[in-house]
Amino acid sequence: MTSYRVGILLFPDVEVLDFCGPYEVFSVTRLHEERRREEPSPFEVVLVAEEPGPVTATGGLRVLPDHRLVSCPPLDILVVPGGWGTRKEIANERLLAWIAERGAQVETLASVCTGALLLGQAGLLDGRRATTHWQSLEWMRRSFPAVTVEEALQVVEDGHILTSAGISAGIDLALRVVMRYCGEEVARATARHMEYPFPEHNRRRI
């Protein structure tokens, strides 16, 4: 079975559901629902952070990353979450350089919520369509005039880059990625296993 390595970036004050939602989707995906207990997910998920040691997310949740930026293995998919911490990380040149480098290497690059602002600051969204949390749409429009900001969509797909609306929209985004790699039937089965409504349309919920 082909396995795809998904890297999910962590940083201080990252929004919990921004990374936990996609993590759950990728970790519970199965190619054959009837063999759920026997077969692993086709996605190997790793958490990546700038420094070793626990990362404190929004609300005080402490998360232990699998890799540092400098030791992160090759990735097929990179997910950049958002959260209050993006206000600080948007000036973190080391982190932005890593996002720019890995973003150019991966087959699929995705962001959740204000993670799109980090992609924009890394120069990865110029000339593309993108979205973010509804409260940050104007921030994106003001900061990145070369980006076409989509207000009405839950998930925006532009080539190999996917961006989503806020927080819970990361689940929709991850299901889209599953559909890209494994097909709609597997994506629907994954959503059903999670007891999450499969997104039949792509309109922003808020």
C-alpha atoms as a PDB file:
ATOM      1  CA  MET A   1       0.000   0.000   0.000  1.00  0.00           C
ATOM      2  CA  THR A   2       1.283   3.437  -0.925  1.00  0.00           C
ATOM      3  CA  SER A   3       1.813   5.665   2.100  1.00  0.00           C
ATOM      4  CA  TYR A   4       1.784   9.458   2.069  1.00  0.00           C
ATOM      5  CA  ARG A   5       3.612  11.416   4.747  1.00  0.00           C
ATOM      6  CA  VAL A   6       1.679  14.407   6.085  1.00  0.00           C
ATOM      7  CA  GLY A   7       3.535  17.038   8.082  1.00  0.00           C
ATOM      8  CA  ILE A   8       1.458  19.304  10.317  1.00  0.00           C
ATOM      9  CA  LEU A   9       3.246  22.401  11.574  1.00  0.00           C
ATOM     10  CA  LEU A  10       3.004  23.433  15.228  1.00  0.00           C
ATOM     11  CA  PHE A  11       3.894  26.738  16.872  1.00  0.00           C
ATOM     12  CA  PRO A  12       3.003  28.464  20.159  1.00  0.00           C
ATOM     13  CA  ASP A  13      -0.675  29.446  20.390  1.00  0.00           C
ATOM     14  CA  VAL A  14      -1.655  27.338  17.392  1.00  0.00           C
ATOM     15  CA  GLU A  15      -5.417  26.741  17.327  1.00  0.00           C
ATOM     16  CA  VAL A  16      -6.122  23.224  18.600  1.00  0.00           C
ATOM     17  CA  LEU A  17      -8.789  22.155  16.099  1.00  0.00           C
ATOM     18  CA  ASP A  18      -6.772  23.639  13.229  1.00  0.00           C
ATOM     19  CA  PHE A  19      -4.242  20.842  13.588  1.00  0.00           C
ATOM     20  CA  CYS A  20      -6.230  18.192  15.491  1.00  0.00           C
ATOM     21  CA  GLY A  21      -9.047  18.187  12.926  1.00  0.00           C
ATOM     22  CA  PRO A  22      -6.802  17.317   9.965  1.00  0.00           C
ATOM     23  CA  TYR A  23      -4.762  14.963  12.177  1.00  0.00           C
ATOM     24  CA  GLU A  24      -7.923  13.016  13.003  1.00  0.00           C
ATOM     25  CA  VAL A  25      -9.049  12.861   9.377  1.00  0.00           C
ATOM     26  CA  PHE A  26      -5.731  11.558   8.090  1.00  0.00           C
ATOM     27  CA  SER A  27      -5.188   9.122  10.945  1.00  0.00           C
ATOM     28  CA  VAL A  28      -8.605   7.439  10.679  1.00  0.00           C
ATOM     29  CA  THR A  29      -8.700   7.185   6.867  1.00  0.00           C
ATOM     30  CA  ARG A  30      -8.848   3.602   5.584  1.00  0.00           C
ATOM     31  CA  LEU A  31      -8.868   2.398   2.001  1.00  0.00           C
ATOM     32  CA  HIS A  32     -11.192  -0.469   2.956  1.00  0.00           C
ATOM     33  CA  GLU A  33     -13.696   0.398   5.668  1.00  0.00           C
ATOM     34  CA  GLU A  34     -14.503  -3.267   6.303  1.00  0.00           C
ATOM     35  CA  ARG A  35     -10.839  -3.858   7.221  1.00  0.00           C
ATOM     36  CA  ARG A  36     -10.505  -0.843   9.498  1.00  0.00           C
ATOM     37  CA  ARG A  37      -8.938  -2.796  12.361  1.00  0.00           C
ATOM     38  CA  GLU A  38      -6.502  -4.725  10.177  1.00  0.00           C
ATOM     39  CA  GLU A  39      -5.228  -2.035   7.813  1.00  0.00           C
ATOM     40  CA  PRO A  40      -3.384   1.195   8.659  1.00  0.00           C
ATOM     41  CA  SER A  41      -4.153   4.599   7.241  1.00  0.00           C
ATOM     42  CA  PRO A  42      -2.521   5.412   3.892  1.00  0.00           C
ATOM     43  CA  PHE A  43      -1.390   8.644   5.566  1.00  0.00           C
ATOM     44  CA  GLU A  44       1.505   8.818   8.011  1.00  0.00           C
ATOM     45  CA  VAL A  45       1.052  11.977  10.081  1.00  0.00           C
ATOM     46  CA  VAL A  46       3.964  13.728  11.790  1.00  0.00           C
ATOM     47  CA  LEU A  47       3.962  16.917  13.864  1.00  0.00           C
ATOM     48  CA  VAL A  48       6.738  19.414  13.183  1.00  0.00           C
ATOM     49  CA  ALA A  49       7.882  22.384  15.280  1.00  0.00           C
ATOM     50  CA  GLU A  50      10.732  24.859  15.267  1.00  0.00           C
ATOM     51  CA  GLU A  51      12.200  23.712  18.573  1.00  0.00           C
ATOM     52  CA  PRO A  52      12.181  20.427  20.523  1.00  0.00           C
ATOM     53  CA  GLY A  53       9.920  19.986  23.502  1.00  0.00           C
ATOM     54  CA  PRO A  54       6.199  20.534  24.035  1.00  0.00           C
ATOM     55  CA  VAL A  55       4.379  23.245  22.096  1.00  0.00           C
ATOM     56  CA  THR A  56       1.639  25.066  24.021  1.00  0.00           C
ATOM     57  CA  ALA A  57      -1.442  25.478  21.865  1.00  0.00           C
ATOM     58  CA  THR A  58      -4.465  27.709  22.426  1.00  0.00           C
ATOM     59  CA  GLY A  59      -6.106  26.964  25.762  1.00  0.00           C
ATOM     60  CA  GLY A  60      -2.918  25.580  27.272  1.00  0.00           C
ATOM     61  CA  LEU A  61      -2.851  22.178  25.550  1.00  0.00           C
ATOM     62  CA  ARG A  62       0.752  20.955  25.398  1.00  0.00           C
ATOM     63  CA  VAL A  63       1.673  18.914  22.321  1.00  0.00           C
ATOM     64  CA  LEU A  64       4.902  17.020  21.720  1.00  0.00           C
ATOM     65  CA  PRO A  65       6.141  17.300  18.110  1.00  0.00           C
ATOM     66  CA  ASP A  66       7.733  14.386  16.283  1.00  0.00           C
ATOM     67  CA  HIS A  67      10.374  16.444  14.478  1.00  0.00           C
ATOM     68  CA  ARG A  68      12.126  19.786  14.515  1.00  0.00           C
ATOM     69  CA  LEU A  69      12.218  21.853  11.350  1.00  0.00           C
ATOM     70  CA  VAL A  70      15.851  20.925  10.746  1.00  0.00           C
ATOM     71  CA  SER A  71      15.244  17.190  11.116  1.00  0.00           C
ATOM     72  CA  CYS A  72      11.881  16.890   9.398  1.00  0.00           C
ATOM     73  CA  PRO A  73      11.871  14.035   6.861  1.00  0.00           C
ATOM     74  CA  PRO A  74      10.616  14.516   3.291  1.00  0.00           C
ATOM     75  CA  LEU A  75       6.883  15.218   3.116  1.00  0.00           C
ATOM     76  CA  ASP A  76       4.218  14.583   0.516  1.00  0.00           C
ATOM     77  CA  ILE A  77       1.714  16.923   2.161  1.00  0.00           C
ATOM     78  CA  LEU A  78       2.282  19.936   4.412  1.00  0.00           C
ATOM     79  CA  VAL A  79      -0.511  21.406   6.530  1.00  0.00           C
ATOM     80  CA  VAL A  80      -0.010  24.857   8.078  1.00  0.00           C
ATOM     81  CA  PRO A  81      -2.637  25.591  10.751  1.00  0.00           C
ATOM     82  CA  GLY A  82      -3.559  28.978  12.144  1.00  0.00           C
ATOM     83  CA  GLY A  83      -4.488  30.479  15.457  1.00  0.00           C
ATOM     84  CA  TRP A  84      -3.544  33.474  17.538  1.00  0.00           C
ATOM     85  CA  GLY A  85       0.110  32.511  17.264  1.00  0.00           C
ATOM     86  CA  THR A  86       0.205  33.445  13.585  1.00  0.00           C
ATOM     87  CA  ARG A  87       0.352  37.119  14.631  1.00  0.00           C
ATOM     88  CA  LYS A  88       3.827  36.460  16.006  1.00  0.00           C
ATOM     89  CA  GLU A  89       4.987  33.777  13.577  1.00  0.00           C
ATOM     90  CA  ILE A  90       4.281  35.989  10.568  1.00  0.00           C
ATOM     91  CA  ALA A  91       7.507  37.804  11.513  1.00  0.00           C
ATOM     92  CA  ASN A  92       9.468  34.586  12.178  1.00  0.00           C
ATOM     93  CA  GLU A  93      11.902  34.561   9.267  1.00  0.00           C
ATOM     94  CA  ARG A  94      13.271  31.120  10.080  1.00  0.00           C
ATOM     95  CA  LEU A  95       9.828  29.547  10.108  1.00  0.00           C
ATOM     96  CA  LEU A  96       8.740  31.386   6.966  1.00  0.00           C
ATOM     97  CA  ALA A  97      11.864  30.264   5.116  1.00  0.00           C
ATOM     98  CA  TRP A  98      11.108  26.654   6.061  1.00  0.00           C
ATOM     99  CA  ILE A  99       7.499  26.991   4.912  1.00  0.00           C
ATOM    100  CA  ALA A 100       8.663  28.507   1.620  1.00  0.00           C
ATOM    101  CA  GLU A 101      11.218  25.744   1.064  1.00  0.00           C
ATOM    102  CA  ARG A 102       8.957  22.842   1.990  1.00  0.00           C
ATOM    103  CA  GLY A 103       5.973  24.422   0.299  1.00  0.00           C
ATOM    104  CA  ALA A 104       7.864  24.347  -2.984  1.00  0.00           C
ATOM    105  CA  GLN A 105       8.822  20.690  -2.492  1.00  0.00           C
ATOM    106  CA  VAL A 106       5.608  18.998  -1.396  1.00  0.00           C
ATOM    107  CA  GLU A 107       3.003  17.576  -3.718  1.00  0.00           C
ATOM    108  CA  THR A 108       0.184  19.191  -1.739  1.00  0.00           C
ATOM    109  CA  LEU A 109       0.364  22.317   0.423  1.00  0.00           C
ATOM    110  CA  ALA A 110      -2.571  23.186   2.672  1.00  0.00           C
ATOM    111  CA  SER A 111      -3.440  25.790   5.275  1.00  0.00           C
ATOM    112  CA  VAL A 112      -6.216  26.072   7.817  1.00  0.00           C
ATOM    113  CA  CYS A 113      -7.617  29.373   9.076  1.00  0.00           C
ATOM    114  CA  THR A 114      -4.923  32.069   9.459  1.00  0.00           C
ATOM    115  CA  GLY A 115      -2.267  29.582   8.423  1.00  0.00           C
ATOM    116  CA  ALA A 116      -2.938  31.087   4.987  1.00  0.00           C
ATOM    117  CA  LEU A 117      -1.346  34.314   6.202  1.00  0.00           C
ATOM    118  CA  LEU A 118       1.879  32.401   6.827  1.00  0.00           C
ATOM    119  CA  LEU A 119       1.719  30.985   3.303  1.00  0.00           C
ATOM    120  CA  GLY A 120       1.152  34.490   1.990  1.00  0.00           C
ATOM    121  CA  GLN A 121       4.049  35.922   3.967  1.00  0.00           C
ATOM    122  CA  ALA A 122       6.243  33.112   2.634  1.00  0.00           C
ATOM    123  CA  GLY A 123       5.391  34.248  -0.905  1.00  0.00           C
ATOM    124  CA  LEU A 124       3.471  31.105  -1.820  1.00  0.00           C
ATOM    125  CA  LEU A 125       0.074  32.644  -2.615  1.00  0.00           C
ATOM    126  CA  ASP A 126       0.955  35.453  -5.035  1.00  0.00           C
ATOM    127  CA  GLY A 127      -1.233  35.221  -8.130  1.00  0.00           C
ATOM    128  CA  ARG A 128      -3.428  32.570  -6.514  1.00  0.00           C
ATOM    129  CA  ARG A 129      -6.888  32.310  -4.972  1.00  0.00           C
ATOM    130  CA  ALA A 130      -7.080  31.701  -1.228  1.00  0.00           C
ATOM    131  CA  THR A 131      -9.203  32.103   1.872  1.00  0.00           C
ATOM    132  CA  THR A 132      -8.892  32.247   5.655  1.00  0.00           C
ATOM    133  CA  HIS A 133     -10.982  32.751   8.806  1.00  0.00           C
ATOM    134  CA  TRP A 134     -13.832  35.178   8.158  1.00  0.00           C
ATOM    135  CA  GLN A 135     -12.464  37.625  10.723  1.00  0.00           C
ATOM    136  CA  SER A 136      -9.108  37.720   8.916  1.00  0.00           C
ATOM    137  CA  LEU A 137     -10.284  38.154   5.328  1.00  0.00           C
ATOM    138  CA  GLU A 138      -9.568  41.885   5.373  1.00  0.00           C
ATOM    139  CA  TRP A 139      -6.155  41.261   6.965  1.00  0.00           C
ATOM    140  CA  MET A 140      -5.339  38.922   4.088  1.00  0.00           C
ATOM    141  CA  ARG A 141      -6.657  41.316   1.461  1.00  0.00           C
ATOM    142  CA  ARG A 142      -4.722  44.237   2.915  1.00  0.00           C
ATOM    143  CA  SER A 143      -1.486  42.315   3.441  1.00  0.00           C
ATOM    144  CA  PHE A 144      -1.379  40.416   0.158  1.00  0.00           C
ATOM    145  CA  PRO A 145      -2.841  42.426  -2.724  1.00  0.00           C
ATOM    146  CA  ALA A 146      -1.524  39.868  -5.230  1.00  0.00           C
ATOM    147  CA  VAL A 147      -3.832  37.221  -3.736  1.00  0.00           C
ATOM    148  CA  THR A 148      -7.450  36.852  -4.851  1.00  0.00           C
ATOM    149  CA  VAL A 149      -9.322  36.486  -1.561  1.00  0.00           C
ATOM    150  CA  GLU A 150     -12.368  34.197  -1.762  1.00  0.00           C
ATOM    151  CA  GLU A 151     -14.960  35.134   0.863  1.00  0.00           C
ATOM    152  CA  ALA A 152     -17.767  32.711   0.019  1.00  0.00           C
ATOM    153  CA  LEU A 153     -15.901  29.391  -0.130  1.00  0.00           C
ATOM    154  CA  GLN A 154     -15.124  26.951   2.661  1.00  0.00           C
ATOM    155  CA  VAL A 155     -12.080  25.478   0.894  1.00  0.00           C
ATOM    156  CA  VAL A 156     -10.179  27.030  -2.003  1.00  0.00           C
ATOM    157  CA  GLU A 157      -8.157  24.767  -4.284  1.00  0.00           C
ATOM    158  CA  ASP A 158      -5.657  26.447  -6.595  1.00  0.00           C
ATOM    159  CA  GLY A 159      -3.350  23.912  -8.172  1.00  0.00           C
ATOM    160  CA  HIS A 160      -1.464  22.030  -5.471  1.00  0.00           C
ATOM    161  CA  ILE A 161      -2.356  24.600  -2.782  1.00  0.00           C
ATOM    162  CA  LEU A 162      -5.493  24.356  -0.650  1.00  0.00           C
ATOM    163  CA  THR A 163      -6.586  26.970   1.893  1.00  0.00           C
ATOM    164  CA  SER A 164      -9.614  26.810   4.156  1.00  0.00           C
ATOM    165  CA  ALA A 165     -11.871  28.986   6.244  1.00  0.00           C
ATOM    166  CA  GLY A 166     -11.496  28.964  10.011  1.00  0.00           C
ATOM    167  CA  ILE A 167     -10.891  26.239  12.570  1.00  0.00           C
ATOM    168  CA  SER A 168     -13.466  23.470  11.892  1.00  0.00           C
ATOM    169  CA  ALA A 169     -13.047  24.061   8.148  1.00  0.00           C
ATOM    170  CA  GLY A 170      -9.745  22.220   8.475  1.00  0.00           C
ATOM    171  CA  ILE A 171     -11.745  18.985   8.623  1.00  0.00           C
ATOM    172  CA  ASP A 172     -13.381  19.833   5.285  1.00  0.00           C
ATOM    173  CA  LEU A 173      -9.957  20.670   3.871  1.00  0.00           C
ATOM    174  CA  ALA A 174      -8.451  17.375   5.032  1.00  0.00           C
ATOM    175  CA  LEU A 175     -11.362  15.448   3.524  1.00  0.00           C
ATOM    176  CA  ARG A 176     -10.644  17.213   0.241  1.00  0.00           C
ATOM    177  CA  VAL A 177      -7.038  16.048   0.448  1.00  0.00           C
ATOM    178  CA  VAL A 178      -8.186  12.489   1.178  1.00  0.00           C
ATOM    179  CA  MET A 179     -10.444  12.702  -1.868  1.00  0.00           C
ATOM    180  CA  ARG A 180      -7.501  13.840  -4.008  1.00  0.00           C
ATOM    181  CA  TYR A 181      -5.353  10.901  -2.991  1.00  0.00           C
ATOM    182  CA  CYS A 182      -7.865   8.137  -2.289  1.00  0.00           C
ATOM    183  CA  GLY A 183     -11.079   9.077  -4.079  1.00  0.00           C
ATOM    184  CA  GLU A 184     -14.491  10.309  -3.004  1.00  0.00           C
ATOM    185  CA  GLU A 185     -15.713   6.944  -1.710  1.00  0.00           C
ATOM    186  CA  VAL A 186     -12.869   6.743   0.816  1.00  0.00           C
ATOM    187  CA  ALA A 187     -13.332  10.398   1.811  1.00  0.00           C
ATOM    188  CA  ARG A 188     -17.045   9.821   2.429  1.00  0.00           C
ATOM    189  CA  ALA A 189     -16.325   6.697   4.476  1.00  0.00           C
ATOM    190  CA  THR A 190     -13.814   8.673   6.541  1.00  0.00           C
ATOM    191  CA  ALA A 191     -16.349  11.410   7.268  1.00  0.00           C
ATOM    192  CA  ARG A 192     -18.960   8.805   8.171  1.00  0.00           C
ATOM    193  CA  HIS A 193     -16.558   7.077  10.569  1.00  0.00           C
ATOM    194  CA  MET A 194     -15.983  10.436  12.261  1.00  0.00           C
ATOM    195  CA  GLU A 195     -19.756  11.091  12.294  1.00  0.00           C
ATOM    196  CA  TYR A 196     -18.999  14.307  10.434  1.00  0.00           C
ATOM    197  CA  PRO A 197     -21.310  15.484   7.623  1.00  0.00           C
ATOM    198  CA  PHE A 198     -19.521  15.091   4.308  1.00  0.00           C
ATOM    199  CA  PRO A 199     -19.361  18.573   2.723  1.00  0.00           C
ATOM    200  CA  GLU A 200     -21.786  18.271  -0.196  1.00  0.00           C
ATOM    201  CA  HIS A 201     -21.180  21.896  -1.161  1.00  0.00           C
ATOM    202  CA  ASN A 202     -18.297  24.301  -0.726  1.00  0.00           C
ATOM    203  CA  ARG A 203     -20.131  27.345   0.605  1.00  0.00           C
ATOM    204  CA  ARG A 204     -18.700  28.964   3.709  1.00  0.00           C
ATOM    205  CA  ARG A 205     -20.843  28.072   6.711  1.00  0.00           C
ATOM    206  CA  ILE A 206     -20.433  31.451   8.427  1.00  0.00           C
END
